[in-house]
Amino acid sequence: MKRKAVILIGLIAVLIILFVVYLTSPGRLQKVQIVEKYYPHFSDGKAVGFKTNEVIDVTETEEGSNCAMKFDNGKTFEIDCDRYLTYKIDETVYITTEGNHVEEIRRKR
């Protein structure tokens, strides 16, 4: 009887650990609101905010500098300029991130 209880407690502990890892994984979908959009400033590795004119550093690619978006969670992520051009400031979206880049943005969960 004690052995079964120990096994059951161990399995529950493993389940809780897996659940915590799932909730904190970086590739998880996050619901955020777009606060600012940054567009490349020439090809000097800088991007300028649309509303605030704030200048930030972005990585440069073969096509030129990246764009970026700032979200209401306080984080700024780089994005593909052509792919995510239709998203507007103050729009609520769901994002999946990898490092400092947004892998996917969607309007619906």
PDB file of N, CA and C in Angstrom:
ATOM      1  N   MET A   1       0.813  -1.193   0.000  1.00  0.00           N
ATOM      2  CA  MET A   1       0.000   0.000   0.000  1.00  0.00           C
ATOM      3  C   MET A   1       0.863   1.266   0.000  1.00  0.00           C
ATOM      4  N   LYS A   2       1.924   1.280   0.847  1.00  0.00           N
ATOM      5  CA  LYS A   2       2.815   2.438   0.901  1.00  0.00           C
ATOM      6  C   LYS A   2       3.541   2.631  -0.423  1.00  0.00           C
ATOM      7  N   ARG A   3       3.914   1.534  -1.051  1.00  0.00           N
ATOM      8  CA  ARG A   3       4.631   1.617  -2.321  1.00  0.00           C
ATOM      9  C   ARG A   3       3.771   2.284  -3.392  1.00  0.00           C
ATOM     10  N   LYS A   4       2.496   1.934  -3.454  1.00  0.00           N
ATOM     11  CA  LYS A   4       1.585   2.544  -4.431  1.00  0.00           C
ATOM     12  C   LYS A   4       1.414   4.039  -4.158  1.00  0.00           C
ATOM     13  N   ALA A   5       1.340   4.418  -2.899  1.00  0.00           N
ATOM     14  CA  ALA A   5       1.202   5.831  -2.543  1.00  0.00           C
ATOM     15  C   ALA A   5       2.441   6.621  -2.955  1.00  0.00           C
ATOM     16  N   VAL A   6       3.626   6.052  -2.749  1.00  0.00           N
ATOM     17  CA  VAL A   6       4.879   6.714  -3.134  1.00  0.00           C
ATOM     18  C   VAL A   6       4.941   6.876  -4.655  1.00  0.00           C
ATOM     19  N   ILE A   7       4.556   5.858  -5.380  1.00  0.00           N
ATOM     20  CA  ILE A   7       4.553   5.928  -6.850  1.00  0.00           C
ATOM     21  C   ILE A   7       3.548   6.985  -7.322  1.00  0.00           C
ATOM     22  N   LEU A   8       2.383   7.019  -6.721  1.00  0.00           N
ATOM     23  CA  LEU A   8       1.373   8.004  -7.089  1.00  0.00           C
ATOM     24  C   LEU A   8       1.861   9.428  -6.803  1.00  0.00           C
ATOM     25  N   ILE A   9       2.471   9.663  -5.675  1.00  0.00           N
ATOM     26  CA  ILE A   9       3.007  10.983  -5.333  1.00  0.00           C
ATOM     27  C   ILE A   9       4.122  11.373  -6.310  1.00  0.00           C
ATOM     28  N   GLY A  10       4.968  10.418  -6.664  1.00  0.00           N
ATOM     29  CA  GLY A  10       6.033  10.682  -7.636  1.00  0.00           C
ATOM     30  C   GLY A  10       5.485  11.064  -8.995  1.00  0.00           C
ATOM     31  N   LEU A  11       4.461  10.364  -9.455  1.00  0.00           N
ATOM     32  CA  LEU A  11       3.848  10.679 -10.751  1.00  0.00           C
ATOM     33  C   LEU A  11       3.170  12.056 -10.738  1.00  0.00           C
ATOM     34  N   ILE A  12       2.530  12.386  -9.639  1.00  0.00           N
ATOM     35  CA  ILE A  12       1.901  13.707  -9.519  1.00  0.00           C
ATOM     36  C   ILE A  12       2.965  14.797  -9.533  1.00  0.00           C
ATOM     37  N   ALA A  13       4.094  14.578  -8.860  1.00  0.00           N
ATOM     38  CA  ALA A  13       5.184  15.554  -8.849  1.00  0.00           C
ATOM     39  C   ALA A  13       5.736  15.759 -10.259  1.00  0.00           C
ATOM     40  N   VAL A  14       5.918  14.678 -11.010  1.00  0.00           N
ATOM     41  CA  VAL A  14       6.403  14.784 -12.394  1.00  0.00           C
ATOM     42  C   VAL A  14       5.404  15.560 -13.240  1.00  0.00           C
ATOM     43  N   LEU A  15       4.129  15.310 -13.069  1.00  0.00           N
ATOM     44  CA  LEU A  15       3.093  16.020 -13.810  1.00  0.00           C
ATOM     45  C   LEU A  15       3.119  17.518 -13.501  1.00  0.00           C
ATOM     46  N   ILE A  16       3.279  17.869 -12.258  1.00  0.00           N
ATOM     47  CA  ILE A  16       3.347  19.285 -11.868  1.00  0.00           C
ATOM     48  C   ILE A  16       4.578  19.950 -12.485  1.00  0.00           C
ATOM     49  N   ILE A  17       5.712  19.281 -12.456  1.00  0.00           N
ATOM     50  CA  ILE A  17       6.941  19.829 -13.046  1.00  0.00           C
ATOM     51  C   ILE A  17       6.765  20.044 -14.546  1.00  0.00           C
ATOM     52  N   LEU A  18       6.187  19.087 -15.245  1.00  0.00           N
ATOM     53  CA  LEU A  18       5.951  19.235 -16.684  1.00  0.00           C
ATOM     54  C   LEU A  18       5.003  20.389 -16.981  1.00  0.00           C
ATOM     55  N   PHE A  19       3.996  20.572 -16.169  1.00  0.00           N
ATOM     56  CA  PHE A  19       3.044  21.667 -16.347  1.00  0.00           C
ATOM     57  C   PHE A  19       3.731  23.022 -16.165  1.00  0.00           C
ATOM     58  N   VAL A  20       4.588  23.147 -15.160  1.00  0.00           N
ATOM     59  CA  VAL A  20       5.321  24.394 -14.921  1.00  0.00           C
ATOM     60  C   VAL A  20       6.264  24.682 -16.086  1.00  0.00           C
ATOM     61  N   VAL A  21       6.955  23.684 -16.586  1.00  0.00           N
ATOM     62  CA  VAL A  21       7.855  23.862 -17.729  1.00  0.00           C
ATOM     63  C   VAL A  21       7.061  24.301 -18.957  1.00  0.00           C
ATOM     64  N   TYR A  22       5.910  23.721 -19.179  1.00  0.00           N
ATOM     65  CA  TYR A  22       5.059  24.097 -20.306  1.00  0.00           C
ATOM     66  C   TYR A  22       4.628  25.560 -20.204  1.00  0.00           C
ATOM     67  N   LEU A  23       4.240  26.002 -19.029  1.00  0.00           N
ATOM     68  CA  LEU A  23       3.773  27.375 -18.856  1.00  0.00           C
ATOM     69  C   LEU A  23       4.882  28.402 -19.013  1.00  0.00           C
ATOM     70  N   THR A  24       6.115  28.049 -18.728  1.00  0.00           N
ATOM     71  CA  THR A  24       7.218  28.993 -18.800  1.00  0.00           C
ATOM     72  C   THR A  24       8.057  28.853 -20.062  1.00  0.00           C
ATOM     73  N   SER A  25       7.673  27.984 -20.977  1.00  0.00           N
ATOM     74  CA  SER A  25       8.465  27.791 -22.187  1.00  0.00           C
ATOM     75  C   SER A  25       8.396  29.032 -23.070  1.00  0.00           C
ATOM     76  N   PRO A  26       9.523  29.415 -23.720  1.00  0.00           N
ATOM     77  CA  PRO A  26       9.566  30.648 -24.501  1.00  0.00           C
ATOM     78  C   PRO A  26       8.727  30.611 -25.776  1.00  0.00           C
ATOM     79  N   GLY A  27       8.475  29.442 -26.341  1.00  0.00           N
ATOM     80  CA  GLY A  27       7.712  29.350 -27.566  1.00  0.00           C
ATOM     81  C   GLY A  27       6.208  29.380 -27.358  1.00  0.00           C
ATOM     82  N   ARG A  28       5.769  29.620 -26.154  1.00  0.00           N
ATOM     83  CA  ARG A  28       4.348  29.606 -25.817  1.00  0.00           C
ATOM     84  C   ARG A  28       3.646  30.853 -26.350  1.00  0.00           C
ATOM     85  N   LEU A  29       2.395  30.724 -26.707  1.00  0.00           N
ATOM     86  CA  LEU A  29       1.584  31.828 -27.189  1.00  0.00           C
ATOM     87  C   LEU A  29       1.320  32.824 -26.066  1.00  0.00           C
ATOM     88  N   GLN A  30       1.563  34.106 -26.329  1.00  0.00           N
ATOM     89  CA  GLN A  30       1.339  35.156 -25.339  1.00  0.00           C
ATOM     90  C   GLN A  30       0.341  36.164 -25.898  1.00  0.00           C
ATOM     91  N   LYS A  31      -0.623  36.573 -25.078  1.00  0.00           N
ATOM     92  CA  LYS A  31      -1.574  37.595 -25.489  1.00  0.00           C
ATOM     93  C   LYS A  31      -1.006  38.951 -25.078  1.00  0.00           C
ATOM     94  N   VAL A  32      -0.765  39.827 -26.066  1.00  0.00           N
ATOM     95  CA  VAL A  32      -0.173  41.143 -25.817  1.00  0.00           C
ATOM     96  C   VAL A  32      -0.841  42.192 -26.693  1.00  0.00           C
ATOM     97  N   GLN A  33      -0.578  43.447 -26.365  1.00  0.00           N
ATOM     98  CA  GLN A  33      -1.072  44.555 -27.174  1.00  0.00           C
ATOM     99  C   GLN A  33       0.135  45.280 -27.768  1.00  0.00           C
ATOM    100  N   ILE A  34       0.046  45.648 -29.035  1.00  0.00           N
ATOM    101  CA  ILE A  34       1.130  46.357 -29.707  1.00  0.00           C
ATOM    102  C   ILE A  34       1.127  47.806 -29.219  1.00  0.00           C
ATOM    103  N   VAL A  35       2.267  48.255 -28.698  1.00  0.00           N
ATOM    104  CA  VAL A  35       2.382  49.608 -28.162  1.00  0.00           C
ATOM    105  C   VAL A  35       3.066  50.539 -29.164  1.00  0.00           C
ATOM    106  N   GLU A  36       4.071  50.033 -29.872  1.00  0.00           N
ATOM    107  CA  GLU A  36       4.838  50.848 -30.812  1.00  0.00           C
ATOM    108  C   GLU A  36       5.387  49.969 -31.917  1.00  0.00           C
ATOM    109  N   LYS A  37       5.536  50.548 -33.107  1.00  0.00           N
ATOM    110  CA  LYS A  37       6.159  49.850 -34.230  1.00  0.00           C
ATOM    111  C   LYS A  37       7.386  50.661 -34.647  1.00  0.00           C
ATOM    112  N   TYR A  38       8.478  49.957 -34.922  1.00  0.00           N
ATOM    113  CA  TYR A  38       9.735  50.595 -35.317  1.00  0.00           C
ATOM    114  C   TYR A  38      10.075  50.195 -36.745  1.00  0.00           C
ATOM    115  N   TYR A  39      10.437  51.189 -37.547  1.00  0.00           N
ATOM    116  CA  TYR A  39      10.790  50.954 -38.945  1.00  0.00           C
ATOM    117  C   TYR A  39      12.250  51.323 -39.179  1.00  0.00           C
ATOM    118  N   PRO A  40      12.923  50.638 -40.135  1.00  0.00           N
ATOM    119  CA  PRO A  40      14.356  50.899 -40.369  1.00  0.00           C
ATOM    120  C   PRO A  40      14.624  52.360 -40.731  1.00  0.00           C
ATOM    121  N   HIS A  41      15.737  52.859 -40.197  1.00  0.00           N
ATOM    122  CA  HIS A  41      16.199  54.214 -40.500  1.00  0.00           C
ATOM    123  C   HIS A  41      17.403  54.053 -41.407  1.00  0.00           C
ATOM    124  N   PHE A  42      17.202  54.198 -42.707  1.00  0.00           N
ATOM    125  CA  PHE A  42      18.230  53.951 -43.712  1.00  0.00           C
ATOM    126  C   PHE A  42      18.750  52.528 -43.536  1.00  0.00           C
ATOM    127  N   SER A  43      20.037  52.299 -43.567  1.00  0.00           N
ATOM    128  CA  SER A  43      20.555  50.939 -43.346  1.00  0.00           C
ATOM    129  C   SER A  43      21.707  50.995 -42.350  1.00  0.00           C
ATOM    130  N   ASP A  44      21.489  51.710 -41.268  1.00  0.00           N
ATOM    131  CA  ASP A  44      22.542  51.897 -40.272  1.00  0.00           C
ATOM    132  C   ASP A  44      22.340  51.059 -39.014  1.00  0.00           C
ATOM    133  N   GLY A  45      21.435  50.062 -39.058  1.00  0.00           N
ATOM    134  CA  GLY A  45      21.194  49.222 -37.900  1.00  0.00           C
ATOM    135  C   GLY A  45      20.315  49.874 -36.849  1.00  0.00           C
ATOM    136  N   LYS A  46      19.619  50.911 -37.228  1.00  0.00           N
ATOM    137  CA  LYS A  46      18.727  51.633 -36.316  1.00  0.00           C
ATOM    138  C   LYS A  46      17.299  51.555 -36.853  1.00  0.00           C
ATOM    139  N   ALA A  47      16.333  51.626 -35.932  1.00  0.00           N
ATOM    140  CA  ALA A  47      14.919  51.689 -36.310  1.00  0.00           C
ATOM    141  C   ALA A  47      14.277  52.817 -35.508  1.00  0.00           C
ATOM    142  N   VAL A  48      13.315  53.500 -36.133  1.00  0.00           N
ATOM    143  CA  VAL A  48      12.663  54.662 -35.521  1.00  0.00           C
ATOM    144  C   VAL A  48      11.205  54.329 -35.232  1.00  0.00           C
ATOM    145  N   GLY A  49      10.740  54.700 -34.031  1.00  0.00           N
ATOM    146  CA  GLY A  49       9.367  54.457 -33.628  1.00  0.00           C
ATOM    147  C   GLY A  49       8.387  55.297 -34.411  1.00  0.00           C
ATOM    148  N   PHE A  50       7.248  54.709 -34.759  1.00  0.00           N
ATOM    149  CA  PHE A  50       6.233  55.397 -35.554  1.00  0.00           C
ATOM    150  C   PHE A  50       5.569  56.524 -34.767  1.00  0.00           C
ATOM    151  N   LYS A  51       5.167  56.244 -33.504  1.00  0.00           N
ATOM    152  CA  LYS A  51       4.489  57.253 -32.678  1.00  0.00           C
ATOM    153  C   LYS A  51       5.458  58.114 -31.891  1.00  0.00           C
ATOM    154  N   THR A  52       6.499  57.517 -31.347  1.00  0.00           N
ATOM    155  CA  THR A  52       7.365  58.218 -30.402  1.00  0.00           C
ATOM    156  C   THR A  52       8.658  58.755 -31.002  1.00  0.00           C
ATOM    157  N   ASN A  53       8.993  58.358 -32.210  1.00  0.00           N
ATOM    158  CA  ASN A  53      10.270  58.709 -32.846  1.00  0.00           C
ATOM    159  C   ASN A  53      11.478  58.227 -32.048  1.00  0.00           C
ATOM    160  N   GLU A  54      11.264  57.256 -31.154  1.00  0.00           N
ATOM    161  CA  GLU A  54      12.354  56.675 -30.379  1.00  0.00           C
ATOM    162  C   GLU A  54      13.228  55.849 -31.321  1.00  0.00           C
ATOM    163  N   VAL A  55      14.546  55.940 -31.157  1.00  0.00           N
ATOM    164  CA  VAL A  55      15.487  55.201 -32.000  1.00  0.00           C
ATOM    165  C   VAL A  55      16.044  54.018 -31.204  1.00  0.00           C
ATOM    166  N   ILE A  56      15.984  52.825 -31.815  1.00  0.00           N
ATOM    167  CA  ILE A  56      16.517  51.616 -31.174  1.00  0.00           C
ATOM    168  C   ILE A  56      17.460  50.910 -32.143  1.00  0.00           C
ATOM    169  N   ASP A  57      18.309  50.047 -31.593  1.00  0.00           N
ATOM    170  CA  ASP A  57      19.208  49.235 -32.413  1.00  0.00           C
ATOM    171  C   ASP A  57      18.492  47.957 -32.839  1.00  0.00           C
ATOM    172  N   VAL A  58      18.660  47.592 -34.101  1.00  0.00           N
ATOM    173  CA  VAL A  58      18.124  46.332 -34.626  1.00  0.00           C
ATOM    174  C   VAL A  58      19.221  45.644 -35.426  1.00  0.00           C
ATOM    175  N   THR A  59      19.065  44.344 -35.621  1.00  0.00           N
ATOM    176  CA  THR A  59      20.062  43.622 -36.410  1.00  0.00           C
ATOM    177  C   THR A  59      19.845  43.901 -37.889  1.00  0.00           C
ATOM    178  N   GLU A  60      20.934  43.827 -38.614  1.00  0.00           N
ATOM    179  CA  GLU A  60      20.860  44.038 -40.055  1.00  0.00           C
ATOM    180  C   GLU A  60      20.851  42.688 -40.760  1.00  0.00           C
ATOM    181  N   THR A  61      20.045  42.605 -41.822  1.00  0.00           N
ATOM    182  CA  THR A  61      19.972  41.389 -42.627  1.00  0.00           C
ATOM    183  C   THR A  61      20.480  41.700 -44.023  1.00  0.00           C
ATOM    184  N   GLU A  62      20.464  40.710 -44.891  1.00  0.00           N
ATOM    185  CA  GLU A  62      20.899  40.922 -46.268  1.00  0.00           C
ATOM    186  C   GLU A  62      20.011  41.936 -46.983  1.00  0.00           C
ATOM    187  N   GLU A  63      18.726  41.952 -46.625  1.00  0.00           N
ATOM    188  CA  GLU A  63      17.780  42.870 -47.262  1.00  0.00           C
ATOM    189  C   GLU A  63      17.823  44.269 -46.646  1.00  0.00           C
ATOM    190  N   GLY A  64      18.480  44.432 -45.515  1.00  0.00           N
ATOM    191  CA  GLY A  64      18.514  45.710 -44.806  1.00  0.00           C
ATOM    192  C   GLY A  64      18.261  45.467 -43.327  1.00  0.00           C
ATOM    193  N   SER A  65      17.888  46.503 -42.615  1.00  0.00           N
ATOM    194  CA  SER A  65      17.646  46.369 -41.176  1.00  0.00           C
ATOM    195  C   SER A  65      16.273  45.777 -40.915  1.00  0.00           C
ATOM    196  N   ASN A  66      16.122  45.140 -39.766  1.00  0.00           N
ATOM    197  CA  ASN A  66      14.842  44.591 -39.342  1.00  0.00           C
ATOM    198  C   ASN A  66      13.920  45.686 -38.820  1.00  0.00           C
ATOM    199  N   CYS A  67      12.652  45.365 -38.746  1.00  0.00           N
ATOM    200  CA  CYS A  67      11.677  46.195 -38.051  1.00  0.00           C
ATOM    201  C   CYS A  67      11.546  45.639 -36.638  1.00  0.00           C
ATOM    202  N   ALA A  68      10.794  46.324 -35.788  1.00  0.00           N
ATOM    203  CA  ALA A  68      10.579  45.835 -34.423  1.00  0.00           C
ATOM    204  C   ALA A  68       9.213  46.285 -33.937  1.00  0.00           C
ATOM    205  N   MET A  69       8.711  45.610 -32.920  1.00  0.00           N
ATOM    206  CA  MET A  69       7.456  45.993 -32.269  1.00  0.00           C
ATOM    207  C   MET A  69       7.672  45.981 -30.767  1.00  0.00           C
ATOM    208  N   LYS A  70       7.080  46.945 -30.086  1.00  0.00           N
ATOM    209  CA  LYS A  70       7.098  46.983 -28.631  1.00  0.00           C
ATOM    210  C   LYS A  70       5.709  46.593 -28.157  1.00  0.00           C
ATOM    211  N   PHE A  71       5.659  45.733 -27.123  1.00  0.00           N
ATOM    212  CA  PHE A  71       4.391  45.217 -26.629  1.00  0.00           C
ATOM    213  C   PHE A  71       4.134  45.698 -25.205  1.00  0.00           C
ATOM    214  N   ASP A  72       2.893  45.539 -24.760  1.00  0.00           N
ATOM    215  CA  ASP A  72       2.502  46.028 -23.441  1.00  0.00           C
ATOM    216  C   ASP A  72       3.119  45.239 -22.291  1.00  0.00           C
ATOM    217  N   ASN A  73       3.818  44.142 -22.584  1.00  0.00           N
ATOM    218  CA  ASN A  73       4.525  43.410 -21.530  1.00  0.00           C
ATOM    219  C   ASN A  73       5.917  44.000 -21.302  1.00  0.00           C
ATOM    220  N   GLY A  74       6.212  45.117 -21.973  1.00  0.00           N
ATOM    221  CA  GLY A  74       7.477  45.819 -21.790  1.00  0.00           C
ATOM    222  C   GLY A  74       8.596  45.325 -22.680  1.00  0.00           C
ATOM    223  N   LYS A  75       8.350  44.332 -23.506  1.00  0.00           N
ATOM    224  CA  LYS A  75       9.397  43.763 -24.346  1.00  0.00           C
ATOM    225  C   LYS A  75       9.294  44.279 -25.774  1.00  0.00           C
ATOM    226  N   THR A  76      10.449  44.434 -26.401  1.00  0.00           N
ATOM    227  CA  THR A  76      10.531  44.835 -27.801  1.00  0.00           C
ATOM    228  C   THR A  76      11.172  43.686 -28.567  1.00  0.00           C
ATOM    229  N   PHE A  77      10.488  43.218 -29.605  1.00  0.00           N
ATOM    230  CA  PHE A  77      10.981  42.098 -30.411  1.00  0.00           C
ATOM    231  C   PHE A  77      11.142  42.534 -31.857  1.00  0.00           C
ATOM    232  N   GLU A  78      12.150  41.978 -32.514  1.00  0.00           N
ATOM    233  CA  GLU A  78      12.346  42.238 -33.940  1.00  0.00           C
ATOM    234  C   GLU A  78      11.369  41.379 -34.736  1.00  0.00           C
ATOM    235  N   ILE A  79      10.918  41.923 -35.875  1.00  0.00           N
ATOM    236  CA  ILE A  79       9.957  41.230 -36.720  1.00  0.00           C
ATOM    237  C   ILE A  79      10.377  41.335 -38.181  1.00  0.00           C
ATOM    238  N   ASP A  80       9.765  40.532 -39.003  1.00  0.00           N
ATOM    239  CA  ASP A  80       9.936  40.604 -40.453  1.00  0.00           C
ATOM    240  C   ASP A  80       9.050  41.738 -40.956  1.00  0.00           C
ATOM    241  N   CYS A  81       9.656  42.772 -41.543  1.00  0.00           N
ATOM    242  CA  CYS A  81       8.919  43.972 -41.960  1.00  0.00           C
ATOM    243  C   CYS A  81       7.778  43.656 -42.938  1.00  0.00           C
ATOM    244  N   ASP A  82       8.064  42.849 -43.938  1.00  0.00           N
ATOM    245  CA  ASP A  82       7.063  42.567 -44.968  1.00  0.00           C
ATOM    246  C   ASP A  82       5.924  41.693 -44.459  1.00  0.00           C
ATOM    247  N   ARG A  83       6.254  40.742 -43.620  1.00  0.00           N
ATOM    248  CA  ARG A  83       5.269  39.758 -43.169  1.00  0.00           C
ATOM    249  C   ARG A  83       4.246  40.324 -42.185  1.00  0.00           C
ATOM    250  N   TYR A  84       4.667  41.247 -41.323  1.00  0.00           N
ATOM    251  CA  TYR A  84       3.788  41.734 -40.263  1.00  0.00           C
ATOM    252  C   TYR A  84       3.435  43.213 -40.412  1.00  0.00           C
ATOM    253  N   LEU A  85       3.366  43.688 -41.625  1.00  0.00           N
ATOM    254  CA  LEU A  85       3.082  45.095 -41.897  1.00  0.00           C
ATOM    255  C   LEU A  85       1.642  45.488 -41.570  1.00  0.00           C
ATOM    256  N   THR A  86       0.703  44.562 -41.626  1.00  0.00           N
ATOM    257  CA  THR A  86      -0.717  44.879 -41.469  1.00  0.00           C
ATOM    258  C   THR A  86      -1.181  45.035 -40.024  1.00  0.00           C
ATOM    259  N   TYR A  87      -0.343  44.698 -39.060  1.00  0.00           N
ATOM    260  CA  TYR A  87      -0.743  44.826 -37.657  1.00  0.00           C
ATOM    261  C   TYR A  87      -0.608  46.274 -37.202  1.00  0.00           C
ATOM    262  N   LYS A  88      -1.591  46.741 -36.432  1.00  0.00           N
ATOM    263  CA  LYS A  88      -1.658  48.152 -36.044  1.00  0.00           C
ATOM    264  C   LYS A  88      -1.299  48.360 -34.577  1.00  0.00           C
ATOM    265  N   ILE A  89      -0.873  49.559 -34.250  1.00  0.00           N
ATOM    266  CA  ILE A  89      -0.608  49.940 -32.868  1.00  0.00           C
ATOM    267  C   ILE A  89      -1.930  49.886 -32.101  1.00  0.00           C
ATOM    268  N   ASP A  90      -1.885  49.452 -30.853  1.00  0.00           N
ATOM    269  CA  ASP A  90      -3.029  49.264 -29.948  1.00  0.00           C
ATOM    270  C   ASP A  90      -3.872  48.035 -30.282  1.00  0.00           C
ATOM    271  N   GLU A  91      -3.442  47.221 -31.220  1.00  0.00           N
ATOM    272  CA  GLU A  91      -4.154  45.986 -31.552  1.00  0.00           C
ATOM    273  C   GLU A  91      -3.702  44.873 -30.608  1.00  0.00           C
ATOM    274  N   THR A  92      -4.636  44.069 -30.125  1.00  0.00           N
ATOM    275  CA  THR A  92      -4.316  42.931 -29.269  1.00  0.00           C
ATOM    276  C   THR A  92      -4.072  41.714 -30.152  1.00  0.00           C
ATOM    277  N   VAL A  93      -2.909  41.068 -29.943  1.00  0.00           N
ATOM    278  CA  VAL A  93      -2.497  39.942 -30.768  1.00  0.00           C
ATOM    279  C   VAL A  93      -1.935  38.831 -29.885  1.00  0.00           C
ATOM    280  N   TYR A  94      -1.717  37.666 -30.492  1.00  0.00           N
ATOM    281  CA  TYR A  94      -1.056  36.537 -29.849  1.00  0.00           C
ATOM    282  C   TYR A  94       0.277  36.330 -30.542  1.00  0.00           C
ATOM    283  N   ILE A  95       1.371  36.257 -29.766  1.00  0.00           N
ATOM    284  CA  ILE A  95       2.697  36.112 -30.363  1.00  0.00           C
ATOM    285  C   ILE A  95       3.401  34.870 -29.832  1.00  0.00           C
ATOM    286  N   THR A  96       4.285  34.342 -30.677  1.00  0.00           N
ATOM    287  CA  THR A  96       5.208  33.287 -30.299  1.00  0.00           C
ATOM    288  C   THR A  96       6.598  33.833 -30.572  1.00  0.00           C
ATOM    289  N   THR A  97       7.491  33.780 -29.573  1.00  0.00           N
ATOM    290  CA  THR A  97       8.810  34.378 -29.726  1.00  0.00           C
ATOM    291  C   THR A  97       9.909  33.331 -29.659  1.00  0.00           C
ATOM    292  N   GLU A  98      11.050  33.685 -30.210  1.00  0.00           N
ATOM    293  CA  GLU A  98      12.255  32.868 -30.152  1.00  0.00           C
ATOM    294  C   GLU A  98      13.424  33.838 -30.016  1.00  0.00           C
ATOM    295  N   GLY A  99      14.031  33.886 -28.851  1.00  0.00           N
ATOM    296  CA  GLY A  99      15.106  34.855 -28.609  1.00  0.00           C
ATOM    297  C   GLY A  99      14.522  36.254 -28.594  1.00  0.00           C
ATOM    298  N   ASN A 100      15.085  37.150 -29.422  1.00  0.00           N
ATOM    299  CA  ASN A 100      14.540  38.511 -29.493  1.00  0.00           C
ATOM    300  C   ASN A 100      13.740  38.736 -30.779  1.00  0.00           C
ATOM    301  N   HIS A 101      13.324  37.640 -31.424  1.00  0.00           N
ATOM    302  CA  HIS A 101      12.523  37.724 -32.647  1.00  0.00           C
ATOM    303  C   HIS A 101      11.124  37.150 -32.418  1.00  0.00           C
ATOM    304  N   VAL A 102      10.151  37.708 -33.110  1.00  0.00           N
ATOM    305  CA  VAL A 102       8.793  37.168 -33.102  1.00  0.00           C
ATOM    306  C   VAL A 102       8.717  36.124 -34.204  1.00  0.00           C
ATOM    307  N   GLU A 103       8.361  34.911 -33.845  1.00  0.00           N
ATOM    308  CA  GLU A 103       8.219  33.830 -34.816  1.00  0.00           C
ATOM    309  C   GLU A 103       6.861  33.891 -35.512  1.00  0.00           C
ATOM    310  N   GLU A 104       5.832  34.270 -34.754  1.00  0.00           N
ATOM    311  CA  GLU A 104       4.479  34.292 -35.313  1.00  0.00           C
ATOM    312  C   GLU A 104       3.627  35.308 -34.560  1.00  0.00           C
ATOM    313  N   ILE A 105       2.799  36.013 -35.315  1.00  0.00           N
ATOM    314  CA  ILE A 105       1.798  36.922 -34.734  1.00  0.00           C
ATOM    315  C   ILE A 105       0.451  36.513 -35.327  1.00  0.00           C
ATOM    316  N   ARG A 106      -0.562  36.421 -34.470  1.00  0.00           N
ATOM    317  CA  ARG A 106      -1.912  36.164 -34.982  1.00  0.00           C
ATOM    318  C   ARG A 106      -2.928  36.962 -34.205  1.00  0.00           C
ATOM    319  N   ARG A 107      -4.050  37.197 -34.854  1.00  0.00           N
ATOM    320  CA  ARG A 107      -5.123  37.941 -34.214  1.00  0.00           C
ATOM    321  C   ARG A 107      -6.014  37.049 -33.358  1.00  0.00           C
ATOM    322  N   LYS A 108      -6.124  35.789 -33.744  1.00  0.00           N
ATOM    323  CA  LYS A 108      -6.975  34.843 -33.003  1.00  0.00           C
ATOM    324  C   LYS A 108      -6.105  33.764 -32.410  1.00  0.00           C
ATOM    325  N   ARG A 109      -6.554  33.236 -31.291  1.00  0.00           N
ATOM    326  CA  ARG A 109      -5.836  32.184 -30.596  1.00  0.00           C
ATOM    327  C   ARG A 109      -5.882  30.949 -31.409  1.00  0.00           C
TER     328      ARG A 109
END
